[in-house]
């Protein structure tokens, strides 16, 4: 009974002193938040892109929320299913939550790559702290993987050509939609295209620009013509972008 009374007295004294007996020696872990961390990594391995997913056309963007410890090691990596972006409405900037839909088969390779990333320690007032942020991985036709360790030169089936405007044999100008002119919509529209082995456009998707101008730009891109692209004498597909600039007739000099 004397031992029990001694333990009770010790517990009460610890509480009065403002410390929990079980956690009296534990310090708060300082964590700071950062945005996208791809450009800040010392080492950022590319995720494995299984060939069966590539040939099946399974592609997309996967965002992984990570926590980095005080030594620069990733200690957690979880997929992001929704994100917050800043949009302007009626002249006021507000936060808008958007749903993310990473393909389930792409999440595991992205998580594995994220856990293998390495960062330099982050210091706050000279002390190392934990960091929370995001790594963004792209799985798609434009991705270029390191060549396999083979003893022969493999001919790629598809290459990236960048901006393709100057490489087209024929590049029709887009029509300027009346609805866009009515609200004085103008500016640049970027269209991602895939050109097949014969020089024909087989895919065209607007990736930026005013919503009222995108359809016209895509329609024009589908009419573009290219010469066949050869790599080591073999025809290949080419991915790239076409850029269209819409200028209001009243603004033209």
Foldseek 3Di string as FASTA:
>chain_A
DVVVVVVVVVQVVCVVVVAHPVCNPPDDADEDEDEACPVQFPDQDAFDDDPVCAVVQQWDKWKWKFKAAQAFATDDIDTDQKDWDWDADPNDTDIDIDGHDHPPVVGVSVRVRVRVIGGHFDDDVRGGHMYIYMYMHTGGDADDDDDDPDPDDDDDQEYEDAECPVQFPDQDAFDDDPVCLVVVFWFKWKWKFKAAQAFATPDIGIDDGDPVCRVRNRVRVNPIGGHFDDDVRGTHMYIYMYMHGGDRPVRDD
